[in-house]
C-alpha atoms as a PDB file:
ATOM      1  CA  MET A   1    -137.314   1.836 -14.582  1.00  0.00           C
ATOM      2  CA  GLU A   2    -140.595   3.578 -13.685  1.00  0.00           C
ATOM      3  CA  THR A   3    -140.914   5.219 -10.287  1.00  0.00           C
ATOM      4  CA  SER A   4    -144.111   5.883  -8.329  1.00  0.00           C
ATOM      5  CA  GLU A   5    -143.993   9.438  -9.647  1.00  0.00           C
ATOM      6  CA  ASN A   6    -144.257   8.477 -13.307  1.00  0.00           C
ATOM      7  CA  LEU A   7    -146.296   5.289 -13.123  1.00  0.00           C
ATOM      8  CA  PRO A   8    -149.558   5.653 -15.082  1.00  0.00           C
ATOM      9  CA  VAL A   9    -152.655   6.427 -13.070  1.00  0.00           C
ATOM     10  CA  LYS A  10    -155.263   3.657 -13.031  1.00  0.00           C
ATOM     11  CA  ARG A  11    -157.332   4.396  -9.947  1.00  0.00           C
ATOM     12  CA  ILE A  12    -158.227   7.748  -8.353  1.00  0.00           C
ATOM     13  CA  GLY A  13    -159.843   8.731  -5.060  1.00  0.00           C
ATOM     14  CA  VAL A  14    -162.109  11.668  -4.324  1.00  0.00           C
ATOM     15  CA  LEU A  15    -163.103  13.241  -0.998  1.00  0.00           C
ATOM     16  CA  THR A  16    -164.972  16.304   0.243  1.00  0.00           C
ATOM     17  CA  SER A  17    -163.637  18.151   3.267  1.00  0.00           C
ATOM     18  CA  GLY A  18    -164.249  21.198   5.444  1.00  0.00           C
ATOM     19  CA  GLY A  19    -167.578  23.007   5.399  1.00  0.00           C
ATOM     20  CA  ASP A  20    -170.154  21.556   3.027  1.00  0.00           C
ATOM     21  CA  ALA A  21    -171.014  23.597  -0.048  1.00  0.00           C
ATOM     22  CA  PRO A  22    -173.900  23.198  -2.511  1.00  0.00           C
ATOM     23  CA  GLY A  23    -172.409  21.751  -5.691  1.00  0.00           C
ATOM     24  CA  MET A  24    -169.976  19.352  -4.032  1.00  0.00           C
ATOM     25  CA  ASN A  25    -172.118  16.456  -5.236  1.00  0.00           C
ATOM     26  CA  ALA A  26    -172.129  17.845  -8.766  1.00  0.00           C
ATOM     27  CA  ALA A  27    -168.341  17.957  -8.659  1.00  0.00           C
ATOM     28  CA  VAL A  28    -168.105  14.329  -7.507  1.00  0.00           C
ATOM     29  CA  ARG A  29    -170.531  13.315 -10.246  1.00  0.00           C
ATOM     30  CA  SER A  30    -168.421  15.067 -12.888  1.00  0.00           C
ATOM     31  CA  ILE A  31    -165.203  13.524 -11.543  1.00  0.00           C
ATOM     32  CA  VAL A  32    -166.614  10.030 -11.558  1.00  0.00           C
ATOM     33  CA  ARG A  33    -167.964  10.289 -15.115  1.00  0.00           C
ATOM     34  CA  ALA A  34    -164.895  12.011 -16.516  1.00  0.00           C
ATOM     35  CA  ALA A  35    -162.584   9.503 -14.798  1.00  0.00           C
ATOM     36  CA  ILE A  36    -164.488   6.519 -16.165  1.00  0.00           C
ATOM     37  CA  ASP A  37    -164.291   8.049 -19.655  1.00  0.00           C
ATOM     38  CA  GLU A  38    -160.503   8.286 -19.169  1.00  0.00           C
ATOM     39  CA  GLY A  39    -160.394   4.607 -18.201  1.00  0.00           C
ATOM     40  CA  PHE A  40    -159.792   5.201 -14.478  1.00  0.00           C
ATOM     41  CA  GLU A  41    -161.455   3.418 -11.601  1.00  0.00           C
ATOM     42  CA  VAL A  42    -162.869   5.730  -8.920  1.00  0.00           C
ATOM     43  CA  PHE A  43    -163.114   5.368  -5.157  1.00  0.00           C
ATOM     44  CA  GLY A  44    -165.000   7.793  -2.947  1.00  0.00           C
ATOM     45  CA  ILE A  45    -163.650   8.465   0.518  1.00  0.00           C
ATOM     46  CA  LYS A  46    -166.300   9.167   3.127  1.00  0.00           C
ATOM     47  CA  ASP A  47    -166.003  11.965   5.682  1.00  0.00           C
ATOM     48  CA  GLY A  48    -162.975  13.739   4.244  1.00  0.00           C
ATOM     49  CA  PHE A  49    -159.493  13.291   5.703  1.00  0.00           C
ATOM     50  CA  LEU A  50    -161.013  11.516   8.716  1.00  0.00           C
ATOM     51  CA  GLY A  51    -162.365   8.835   6.385  1.00  0.00           C
ATOM     52  CA  LEU A  52    -159.057   8.711   4.591  1.00  0.00           C
ATOM     53  CA  HIS A  53    -157.346   7.909   7.874  1.00  0.00           C
ATOM     54  CA  GLN A  54    -160.047   5.479   9.050  1.00  0.00           C
ATOM     55  CA  ASP A  55    -160.257   3.600   5.744  1.00  0.00           C
ATOM     56  CA  ARG A  56    -163.781   4.613   4.715  1.00  0.00           C
ATOM     57  CA  PHE A  57    -163.404   3.862   1.009  1.00  0.00           C
ATOM     58  CA  VAL A  58    -166.235   2.979  -1.359  1.00  0.00           C
ATOM     59  CA  SER A  59    -166.115   2.119  -5.073  1.00  0.00           C
ATOM     60  CA  LEU A  60    -168.006   4.589  -7.302  1.00  0.00           C
ATOM     61  CA  ASP A  61    -169.490   4.071 -10.742  1.00  0.00           C
ATOM     62  CA  ARG A  62    -171.908   5.994 -12.954  1.00  0.00           C
ATOM     63  CA  ALA A  63    -174.952   4.560 -11.168  1.00  0.00           C
ATOM     64  CA  CYS A  64    -173.663   5.781  -7.788  1.00  0.00           C
ATOM     65  CA  VAL A  65    -173.785   9.401  -8.911  1.00  0.00           C
ATOM     66  CA  ASN A  66    -177.100   9.381 -10.728  1.00  0.00           C
ATOM     67  CA  ASP A  67    -179.301  12.341  -9.716  1.00  0.00           C
ATOM     68  CA  ILE A  68    -176.925  13.690  -7.060  1.00  0.00           C
ATOM     69  CA  ILE A  69    -176.394  16.876  -9.106  1.00  0.00           C
ATOM     70  CA  THR A  70    -179.627  18.241  -7.577  1.00  0.00           C
ATOM     71  CA  ARG A  71    -178.664  17.605  -3.963  1.00  0.00           C
ATOM     72  CA  GLY A  72    -177.030  20.064  -1.618  1.00  0.00           C
ATOM     73  CA  GLY A  73    -174.391  19.100   0.931  1.00  0.00           C
ATOM     74  CA  THR A  74    -172.145  16.155   0.147  1.00  0.00           C
ATOM     75  CA  PHE A  75    -173.250  12.552  -0.056  1.00  0.00           C
ATOM     76  CA  LEU A  76    -169.687  11.467   0.752  1.00  0.00           C
ATOM     77  CA  GLY A  77    -169.834  13.373   4.006  1.00  0.00           C
ATOM     78  CA  THR A  78    -167.291  15.707   5.541  1.00  0.00           C
ATOM     79  CA  ALA A  79    -165.655  16.086   8.937  1.00  0.00           C
ATOM     80  CA  ARG A  80    -163.222  18.308  10.798  1.00  0.00           C
ATOM     81  CA  PHE A  81    -160.074  16.302  11.542  1.00  0.00           C
ATOM     82  CA  THR A  82    -157.397  18.430  13.197  1.00  0.00           C
ATOM     83  CA  ALA A  83    -155.191  15.400  13.864  1.00  0.00           C
ATOM     84  CA  PHE A  84    -154.405  15.299  10.143  1.00  0.00           C
ATOM     85  CA  LYS A  85    -151.852  18.037  10.854  1.00  0.00           C
ATOM     86  CA  GLU A  86    -149.655  15.315  12.336  1.00  0.00           C
ATOM     87  CA  GLU A  87    -147.294  13.653   9.871  1.00  0.00           C
ATOM     88  CA  SER A  88    -147.735  10.242  11.520  1.00  0.00           C
ATOM     89  CA  ILE A  89    -151.510  10.436  10.988  1.00  0.00           C
ATOM     90  CA  ARG A  90    -151.029  11.385   7.344  1.00  0.00           C
ATOM     91  CA  ALA A  91    -148.603   8.503   6.900  1.00  0.00           C
ATOM     92  CA  GLU A  92    -151.274   6.105   8.143  1.00  0.00           C
ATOM     93  CA  ALA A  93    -153.770   7.659   5.725  1.00  0.00           C
ATOM     94  CA  ILE A  94    -151.321   7.169   2.867  1.00  0.00           C
ATOM     95  CA  GLU A  95    -151.086   3.497   3.732  1.00  0.00           C
ATOM     96  CA  ASN A  96    -154.838   3.275   3.154  1.00  0.00           C
ATOM     97  CA  LEU A  97    -154.391   4.829  -0.284  1.00  0.00           C
ATOM     98  CA  LYS A  98    -151.754   2.227  -1.047  1.00  0.00           C
ATOM     99  CA  LYS A  99    -153.973  -0.550   0.317  1.00  0.00           C
ATOM    100  CA  HIS A 100    -156.715   0.429  -2.173  1.00  0.00           C
ATOM    101  CA  LYS A 101    -154.168   1.042  -4.933  1.00  0.00           C
ATOM    102  CA  ILE A 102    -155.198   4.682  -5.283  1.00  0.00           C
ATOM    103  CA  ASP A 103    -152.754   6.431  -7.652  1.00  0.00           C
ATOM    104  CA  ALA A 104    -154.073  10.006  -7.383  1.00  0.00           C
ATOM    105  CA  LEU A 105    -156.402  11.913  -5.080  1.00  0.00           C
ATOM    106  CA  ILE A 106    -158.856  14.765  -5.772  1.00  0.00           C
ATOM    107  CA  THR A 107    -159.804  16.856  -2.745  1.00  0.00           C
ATOM    108  CA  ILE A 108    -162.849  19.117  -2.843  1.00  0.00           C
ATOM    109  CA  GLY A 109    -163.070  21.949  -0.283  1.00  0.00           C
ATOM    110  CA  GLY A 110    -161.576  25.259   0.874  1.00  0.00           C
ATOM    111  CA  ASP A 111    -158.209  26.444   2.064  1.00  0.00           C
ATOM    112  CA  GLY A 112    -158.045  23.913   4.936  1.00  0.00           C
ATOM    113  CA  THR A 113    -158.664  21.123   2.424  1.00  0.00           C
ATOM    114  CA  TYR A 114    -155.960  22.557   0.178  1.00  0.00           C
ATOM    115  CA  THR A 115    -153.536  22.527   3.094  1.00  0.00           C
ATOM    116  CA  GLY A 116    -154.262  18.854   3.711  1.00  0.00           C
ATOM    117  CA  ALA A 117    -153.786  18.103   0.018  1.00  0.00           C
ATOM    118  CA  LEU A 118    -150.481  19.981  -0.005  1.00  0.00           C
ATOM    119  CA  ARG A 119    -149.173  18.008   2.972  1.00  0.00           C
ATOM    120  CA  LEU A 120    -150.089  14.764   1.226  1.00  0.00           C
ATOM    121  CA  HIS A 121    -148.493  15.981  -1.996  1.00  0.00           C
ATOM    122  CA  GLU A 122    -145.285  16.746  -0.088  1.00  0.00           C
ATOM    123  CA  MET A 123    -145.324  13.127   1.076  1.00  0.00           C
ATOM    124  CA  GLY A 124    -145.582  11.793  -2.471  1.00  0.00           C
ATOM    125  CA  VAL A 125    -149.315  11.626  -3.089  1.00  0.00           C
ATOM    126  CA  LYS A 126    -150.528  12.887  -6.467  1.00  0.00           C
ATOM    127  CA  CYS A 127    -153.162  15.487  -5.495  1.00  0.00           C
ATOM    128  CA  ILE A 128    -155.480  17.922  -7.235  1.00  0.00           C
ATOM    129  CA  GLY A 129    -157.636  20.442  -5.352  1.00  0.00           C
ATOM    130  CA  VAL A 130    -161.138  21.576  -6.373  1.00  0.00           C
ATOM    131  CA  PRO A 131    -162.415  24.797  -4.691  1.00  0.00           C
ATOM    132  CA  ALA A 132    -165.678  24.470  -2.809  1.00  0.00           C
ATOM    133  CA  SER A 133    -166.419  27.179  -0.237  1.00  0.00           C
ATOM    134  CA  ILE A 134    -169.519  29.303   0.184  1.00  0.00           C
ATOM    135  CA  ASP A 135    -167.253  32.077   1.495  1.00  0.00           C
ATOM    136  CA  ASN A 136    -165.516  32.406  -1.890  1.00  0.00           C
ATOM    137  CA  ASP A 137    -162.232  32.933  -0.054  1.00  0.00           C
ATOM    138  CA  VAL A 138    -160.029  30.518  -1.957  1.00  0.00           C
ATOM    139  CA  HIS A 139    -157.245  31.911  -4.187  1.00  0.00           C
ATOM    140  CA  GLY A 140    -156.857  30.460  -7.664  1.00  0.00           C
ATOM    141  CA  THR A 141    -160.434  30.898  -8.806  1.00  0.00           C
ATOM    142  CA  GLU A 142    -162.814  33.761  -9.344  1.00  0.00           C
ATOM    143  CA  TYR A 143    -165.684  31.726  -7.927  1.00  0.00           C
ATOM    144  CA  SER A 144    -165.716  28.677  -5.696  1.00  0.00           C
ATOM    145  CA  ILE A 145    -168.390  26.010  -5.695  1.00  0.00           C
ATOM    146  CA  GLY A 146    -171.285  26.903  -3.392  1.00  0.00           C
ATOM    147  CA  PHE A 147    -170.827  30.657  -3.403  1.00  0.00           C
ATOM    148  CA  ASP A 148    -173.585  31.398  -5.913  1.00  0.00           C
ATOM    149  CA  THR A 149    -176.135  29.238  -4.118  1.00  0.00           C
ATOM    150  CA  ALA A 150    -175.284  30.799  -0.757  1.00  0.00           C
ATOM    151  CA  SER A 151    -175.587  34.282  -2.280  1.00  0.00           C
ATOM    152  CA  ASN A 152    -179.024  33.369  -3.595  1.00  0.00           C
ATOM    153  CA  ASN A 153    -180.017  32.021  -0.162  1.00  0.00           C
ATOM    154  CA  ILE A 154    -179.015  35.342   1.384  1.00  0.00           C
ATOM    155  CA  MET A 155    -180.951  37.277  -1.246  1.00  0.00           C
ATOM    156  CA  GLN A 156    -184.111  35.196  -0.717  1.00  0.00           C
ATOM    157  CA  ASN A 157    -183.963  35.555   3.056  1.00  0.00           C
ATOM    158  CA  MET A 158    -183.392  39.292   2.797  1.00  0.00           C
ATOM    159  CA  ASP A 159    -186.460  39.505   0.548  1.00  0.00           C
ATOM    160  CA  ARG A 160    -188.493  37.861   3.303  1.00  0.00           C
ATOM    161  CA  LEU A 161    -186.997  40.017   6.028  1.00  0.00           C
ATOM    162  CA  ARG A 162    -187.782  43.147   4.035  1.00  0.00           C
ATOM    163  CA  ASP A 163    -191.495  42.345   4.240  1.00  0.00           C
ATOM    164  CA  THR A 164    -191.556  42.273   8.026  1.00  0.00           C
ATOM    165  CA  SER A 165    -189.068  45.138   8.357  1.00  0.00           C
ATOM    166  CA  SER A 166    -191.271  47.300   6.147  1.00  0.00           C
ATOM    167  CA  SER A 167    -194.418  46.320   8.022  1.00  0.00           C
ATOM    168  CA  HIS A 168    -192.951  47.358  11.383  1.00  0.00           C
ATOM    169  CA  HIS A 169    -190.914  50.335  10.104  1.00  0.00           C
ATOM    170  CA  ARG A 170    -187.748  48.941  11.605  1.00  0.00           C
ATOM    171  CA  VAL A 171    -184.118  48.411  10.760  1.00  0.00           C
ATOM    172  CA  THR A 172    -183.076  44.769  10.292  1.00  0.00           C
ATOM    173  CA  ILE A 173    -179.458  43.688  10.567  1.00  0.00           C
ATOM    174  CA  VAL A 174    -178.762  40.450   8.663  1.00  0.00           C
ATOM    175  CA  GLU A 175    -175.541  38.693   9.611  1.00  0.00           C
ATOM    176  CA  VAL A 176    -174.099  36.427   6.926  1.00  0.00           C
ATOM    177  CA  MET A 177    -171.110  34.092   6.736  1.00  0.00           C
ATOM    178  CA  GLY A 178    -167.784  34.793   5.039  1.00  0.00           C
ATOM    179  CA  ARG A 179    -165.200  34.376   7.811  1.00  0.00           C
ATOM    180  CA  HIS A 180    -162.786  37.157   6.809  1.00  0.00           C
ATOM    181  CA  CYS A 181    -164.039  37.640   3.217  1.00  0.00           C
ATOM    182  CA  GLY A 182    -166.839  40.039   2.441  1.00  0.00           C
ATOM    183  CA  ASP A 183    -167.942  38.547  -0.900  1.00  0.00           C
ATOM    184  CA  LEU A 184    -171.125  36.902   0.461  1.00  0.00           C
ATOM    185  CA  ALA A 185    -172.163  40.104   2.243  1.00  0.00           C
ATOM    186  CA  VAL A 186    -171.555  42.249  -0.825  1.00  0.00           C
ATOM    187  CA  ILE A 187    -173.073  40.015  -3.510  1.00  0.00           C
ATOM    188  CA  GLY A 188    -175.905  38.720  -1.353  1.00  0.00           C
ATOM    189  CA  GLY A 189    -176.473  42.188   0.078  1.00  0.00           C
ATOM    190  CA  ILE A 190    -176.650  43.966  -3.251  1.00  0.00           C
ATOM    191  CA  ALA A 191    -178.918  41.297  -4.718  1.00  0.00           C
ATOM    192  CA  GLY A 192    -181.118  41.498  -1.636  1.00  0.00           C
ATOM    193  CA  GLY A 193    -181.377  45.262  -1.791  1.00  0.00           C
ATOM    194  CA  ALA A 194    -179.417  45.998   1.371  1.00  0.00           C
ATOM    195  CA  ASP A 195    -179.227  49.664   2.263  1.00  0.00           C
ATOM    196  CA  TYR A 196    -175.883  49.301   3.994  1.00  0.00           C
ATOM    197  CA  ILE A 197    -173.262  46.560   3.778  1.00  0.00           C
ATOM    198  CA  ILE A 198    -170.530  45.956   6.358  1.00  0.00           C
ATOM    199  CA  THR A 199    -167.484  43.986   5.254  1.00  0.00           C
ATOM    200  CA  PRO A 200    -163.946  43.348   6.546  1.00  0.00           C
ATOM    201  CA  GLU A 201    -162.471  45.048   3.502  1.00  0.00           C
ATOM    202  CA  ALA A 202    -164.075  48.422   4.170  1.00  0.00           C
ATOM    203  CA  GLU A 203    -163.616  50.545   7.300  1.00  0.00           C
ATOM    204  CA  PHE A 204    -166.651  50.381   9.537  1.00  0.00           C
ATOM    205  CA  LYS A 205    -167.627  53.244  11.808  1.00  0.00           C
ATOM    206  CA  LYS A 206    -170.723  52.764  13.936  1.00  0.00           C
ATOM    207  CA  GLU A 207    -171.267  56.489  14.290  1.00  0.00           C
ATOM    208  CA  SER A 208    -171.412  56.906  10.523  1.00  0.00           C
ATOM    209  CA  LEU A 209    -173.932  54.082  10.208  1.00  0.00           C
ATOM    210  CA  PHE A 210    -176.140  55.487  12.976  1.00  0.00           C
ATOM    211  CA  SER A 211    -176.041  58.926  11.405  1.00  0.00           C
ATOM    212  CA  LYS A 212    -176.982  57.649   7.940  1.00  0.00           C
ATOM    213  CA  VAL A 213    -179.868  55.586   9.323  1.00  0.00           C
ATOM    214  CA  SER A 214    -181.197  58.595  11.280  1.00  0.00           C
ATOM    215  CA  GLN A 215    -180.934  60.872   8.242  1.00  0.00           C
ATOM    216  CA  ALA A 216    -182.653  58.336   5.991  1.00  0.00           C
ATOM    217  CA  PHE A 217    -185.585  57.861   8.403  1.00  0.00           C
ATOM    218  CA  ALA A 218    -185.840  61.631   8.928  1.00  0.00           C
ATOM    219  CA  SER A 219    -186.158  62.013   5.152  1.00  0.00           C
ATOM    220  CA  GLY A 220    -189.100  59.623   5.055  1.00  0.00           C
ATOM    221  CA  LYS A 221    -187.540  56.182   4.776  1.00  0.00           C
ATOM    222  CA  ARG A 222    -189.672  53.683   6.711  1.00  0.00           C
ATOM    223  CA  HIS A 223    -187.371  50.670   6.947  1.00  0.00           C
ATOM    224  CA  ALA A 224    -183.762  49.596   6.240  1.00  0.00           C
ATOM    225  CA  LEU A 225    -181.792  46.410   5.721  1.00  0.00           C
ATOM    226  CA  ILE A 226    -178.148  46.139   6.839  1.00  0.00           C
ATOM    227  CA  CYS A 227    -176.072  43.201   5.645  1.00  0.00           C
ATOM    228  CA  LEU A 228    -173.252  42.378   8.052  1.00  0.00           C
ATOM    229  CA  CYS A 229    -170.350  40.005   7.426  1.00  0.00           C
ATOM    230  CA  GLU A 230    -169.607  37.889  10.474  1.00  0.00           C
ATOM    231  CA  ASN A 231    -166.559  38.441  12.724  1.00  0.00           C
ATOM    232  CA  ILE A 232    -166.773  42.256  12.598  1.00  0.00           C
ATOM    233  CA  ILE A 233    -169.226  43.082  15.378  1.00  0.00           C
ATOM    234  CA  ASN A 234    -171.904  41.100  17.199  1.00  0.00           C
ATOM    235  CA  ALA A 235    -175.174  41.584  15.350  1.00  0.00           C
ATOM    236  CA  GLU A 236    -177.360  41.695  18.474  1.00  0.00           C
ATOM    237  CA  THR A 237    -175.030  44.222  20.098  1.00  0.00           C
ATOM    238  CA  LEU A 238    -175.040  46.416  16.994  1.00  0.00           C
ATOM    239  CA  ALA A 239    -178.869  46.272  16.806  1.00  0.00           C
ATOM    240  CA  SER A 240    -179.176  47.274  20.454  1.00  0.00           C
ATOM    241  CA  GLU A 241    -176.723  50.156  20.086  1.00  0.00           C
ATOM    242  CA  LEU A 242    -178.385  51.398  16.914  1.00  0.00           C
ATOM    243  CA  GLU A 243    -181.822  51.390  18.540  1.00  0.00           C
ATOM    244  CA  CYS A 244    -180.582  53.138  21.688  1.00  0.00           C
ATOM    245  CA  THR A 245    -178.728  55.779  19.672  1.00  0.00           C
ATOM    246  CA  THR A 246    -181.338  56.517  17.007  1.00  0.00           C
ATOM    247  CA  GLY A 247    -184.585  55.606  18.722  1.00  0.00           C
ATOM    248  CA  ILE A 248    -185.485  53.477  15.685  1.00  0.00           C
ATOM    249  CA  GLU A 249    -186.543  49.908  16.327  1.00  0.00           C
ATOM    250  CA  CYS A 250    -183.863  47.458  15.199  1.00  0.00           C
ATOM    251  CA  ARG A 251    -183.686  43.655  15.078  1.00  0.00           C
ATOM    252  CA  ALA A 252    -180.857  41.281  14.255  1.00  0.00           C
ATOM    253  CA  THR A 253    -181.137  38.020  12.275  1.00  0.00           C
ATOM    254  CA  VAL A 254    -178.201  35.644  12.023  1.00  0.00           C
ATOM    255  CA  LEU A 255    -178.713  33.462   8.955  1.00  0.00           C
ATOM    256  CA  GLY A 256    -176.080  30.939  10.058  1.00  0.00           C
ATOM    257  CA  HIS A 257    -175.964  27.563   8.379  1.00  0.00           C
ATOM    258  CA  ILE A 258    -179.196  28.156   6.489  1.00  0.00           C
ATOM    259  CA  GLN A 259    -176.940  29.782   3.890  1.00  0.00           C
ATOM    260  CA  ARG A 260    -175.262  26.454   3.169  1.00  0.00           C
ATOM    261  CA  GLY A 261    -178.385  24.435   2.542  1.00  0.00           C
ATOM    262  CA  GLY A 262    -180.587  23.710  -0.429  1.00  0.00           C
ATOM    263  CA  SER A 263    -180.274  22.485  -3.979  1.00  0.00           C
ATOM    264  CA  PRO A 264    -177.343  24.075  -5.792  1.00  0.00           C
ATOM    265  CA  SER A 265    -178.043  26.829  -8.315  1.00  0.00           C
ATOM    266  CA  ALA A 266    -177.579  26.360 -12.052  1.00  0.00           C
ATOM    267  CA  MET A 267    -174.314  28.281 -11.866  1.00  0.00           C
ATOM    268  CA  ASP A 268    -172.940  26.081  -9.090  1.00  0.00           C
ATOM    269  CA  ARG A 269    -173.985  22.890 -10.884  1.00  0.00           C
ATOM    270  CA  VAL A 270    -172.257  23.956 -14.088  1.00  0.00           C
ATOM    271  CA  LEU A 271    -169.166  25.337 -12.301  1.00  0.00           C
ATOM    272  CA  ALA A 272    -168.774  22.170 -10.254  1.00  0.00           C
ATOM    273  CA  SER A 273    -169.134  20.026 -13.394  1.00  0.00           C
ATOM    274  CA  GLN A 274    -166.496  22.073 -15.212  1.00  0.00           C
ATOM    275  CA  LEU A 275    -164.013  22.007 -12.339  1.00  0.00           C
ATOM    276  CA  GLY A 276    -164.486  18.297 -11.688  1.00  0.00           C
ATOM    277  CA  PHE A 277    -163.932  17.511 -15.342  1.00  0.00           C
ATOM    278  CA  TYR A 278    -160.819  19.669 -15.481  1.00  0.00           C
ATOM    279  CA  ALA A 279    -159.364  18.057 -12.358  1.00  0.00           C
ATOM    280  CA  VAL A 280    -159.539  14.657 -14.040  1.00  0.00           C
ATOM    281  CA  LYS A 281    -157.990  16.082 -17.212  1.00  0.00           C
ATOM    282  CA  LEU A 282    -155.019  17.354 -15.211  1.00  0.00           C
ATOM    283  CA  ILE A 283    -154.491  13.903 -13.723  1.00  0.00           C
ATOM    284  CA  ALA A 284    -154.705  12.325 -17.168  1.00  0.00           C
ATOM    285  CA  ALA A 285    -152.083  14.821 -18.350  1.00  0.00           C
ATOM    286  CA  GLY A 286    -149.776  13.956 -15.450  1.00  0.00           C
ATOM    287  CA  GLU A 287    -150.112  17.298 -13.637  1.00  0.00           C
ATOM    288  CA  TYR A 288    -150.320  17.206  -9.835  1.00  0.00           C
ATOM    289  CA  GLY A 289    -149.941  19.475  -6.834  1.00  0.00           C
ATOM    290  CA  LYS A 290    -152.382  21.933  -8.386  1.00  0.00           C
ATOM    291  CA  CYS A 291    -155.871  23.257  -7.789  1.00  0.00           C
ATOM    292  CA  VAL A 292    -158.358  24.051 -10.505  1.00  0.00           C
ATOM    293  CA  GLY A 293    -160.331  27.249 -10.898  1.00  0.00           C
ATOM    294  CA  ILE A 294    -162.104  29.570 -13.260  1.00  0.00           C
ATOM    295  CA  GLU A 295    -161.107  33.101 -14.264  1.00  0.00           C
ATOM    296  CA  ASN A 296    -162.757  35.215 -16.961  1.00  0.00           C
ATOM    297  CA  ASN A 297    -164.754  32.125 -18.001  1.00  0.00           C
ATOM    298  CA  ARG A 298    -161.543  30.172 -18.567  1.00  0.00           C
ATOM    299  CA  LEU A 299    -160.486  27.065 -16.638  1.00  0.00           C
ATOM    300  CA  ILE A 300    -157.103  27.519 -14.967  1.00  0.00           C
ATOM    301  CA  ALA A 301    -154.719  25.541 -12.759  1.00  0.00           C
ATOM    302  CA  THR A 302    -152.704  27.052  -9.893  1.00  0.00           C
ATOM    303  CA  ASP A 303    -150.026  25.479  -7.731  1.00  0.00           C
ATOM    304  CA  ILE A 304    -151.573  24.543  -4.374  1.00  0.00           C
ATOM    305  CA  VAL A 305    -148.712  26.305  -2.564  1.00  0.00           C
ATOM    306  CA  GLU A 306    -149.567  29.540  -4.332  1.00  0.00           C
ATOM    307  CA  ALA A 307    -153.293  29.109  -3.675  1.00  0.00           C
ATOM    308  CA  ILE A 308    -152.658  28.691   0.066  1.00  0.00           C
ATOM    309  CA  ASN A 309    -150.115  31.486   0.455  1.00  0.00           C
ATOM    310  CA  THR A 310    -151.768  34.157  -1.761  1.00  0.00           C
ATOM    311  CA  PRO A 311    -154.619  36.279  -0.366  1.00  0.00           C
ATOM    312  CA  LYS A 312    -157.832  35.939  -2.350  1.00  0.00           C
ATOM    313  CA  LYS A 313    -158.749  38.931  -4.489  1.00  0.00           C
ATOM    314  CA  THR A 314    -162.318  39.445  -3.436  1.00  0.00           C
ATOM    315  CA  LYS A 315    -165.310  40.674  -5.413  1.00  0.00           C
ATOM    316  CA  VAL A 316    -165.784  43.463  -2.882  1.00  0.00           C
ATOM    317  CA  THR A 317    -163.503  45.858  -4.715  1.00  0.00           C
ATOM    318  CA  ASP A 318    -165.634  45.470  -7.843  1.00  0.00           C
ATOM    319  CA  TYR A 319    -168.900  46.264  -6.093  1.00  0.00           C
ATOM    320  CA  ILE A 320    -168.149  48.319  -3.021  1.00  0.00           C
ATOM    321  CA  HIS A 321    -169.180  51.591  -4.672  1.00  0.00           C
ATOM    322  CA  LEU A 322    -172.697  50.161  -5.023  1.00  0.00           C
ATOM    323  CA  SER A 323    -173.014  49.384  -1.329  1.00  0.00           C
ATOM    324  CA  SER A 324    -171.339  52.216   0.561  1.00  0.00           C
ATOM    325  CA  LYS A 325    -174.316  54.205   1.820  1.00  0.00           C
ATOM    326  CA  ILE A 326    -178.043  54.156   2.631  1.00  0.00           C
ATOM    327  CA  SER A 327    -180.164  54.476  -0.482  1.00  0.00           C
END
């Protein structure tokens, strides 16, 4: 007699959760097309786990995902839903999956999304996670969807800030996202020609920064760009202290959510398409409770528990020697 664990999958659901990331739409597109090719029906769930709980289900076909590969954000929507931590709330959400005869669920997002997927998996739902986070802080993949686009956004904005910084002979501090991961600051900063990069992974000493800026300007440098990862020091405070200490004009710019926006890069479109396709292949093969990723240009699958409990190996260690001092 077949149990719910080994019954064949006929219908899958897909949702996007947590912070939006450019490429989420490309992932949904890939999932829908790959699933249809496998003979599955596909339902999109609007507004993440909130929509899962509030029964916001919509049938998806090929026509629904035409042209969305070019769009940033997520057409399914996303929402923060802290109540999903409660088992009773998850149980109600699972009833909605049963109501729509959803046999497996693909969740697209970061570590918070993975945690939600794990809790559902522990309650018997067949789940696969797809990493989408501009911070690139998810274990189980070298790159997450949205990181490349966000890095390019940082680079482009730093290019613009360099023009005004150079014109006024000032120091500009550019604060970028990342939470507690310095990948965006390092990759975006190097690409944007930052003179100094401040990340959580490397010890930061204000006195050392002030001294290097003073020495650089004394040697003839006329402007400088500093790329600062958030949650280390307030950018406005650092700019004020640097100006007071060195006598050099300094301004702070917090890029904020502008980093998330815009059409996804070619890399993010391709990565999202690969990961979405692979997620469906895992379901077709009867593998659940995993998240997909890419490492050394090879698609991999990692247990969601491992992905949540293992710290992400960041790109900082590969590049920190390029960004340690004023050029």
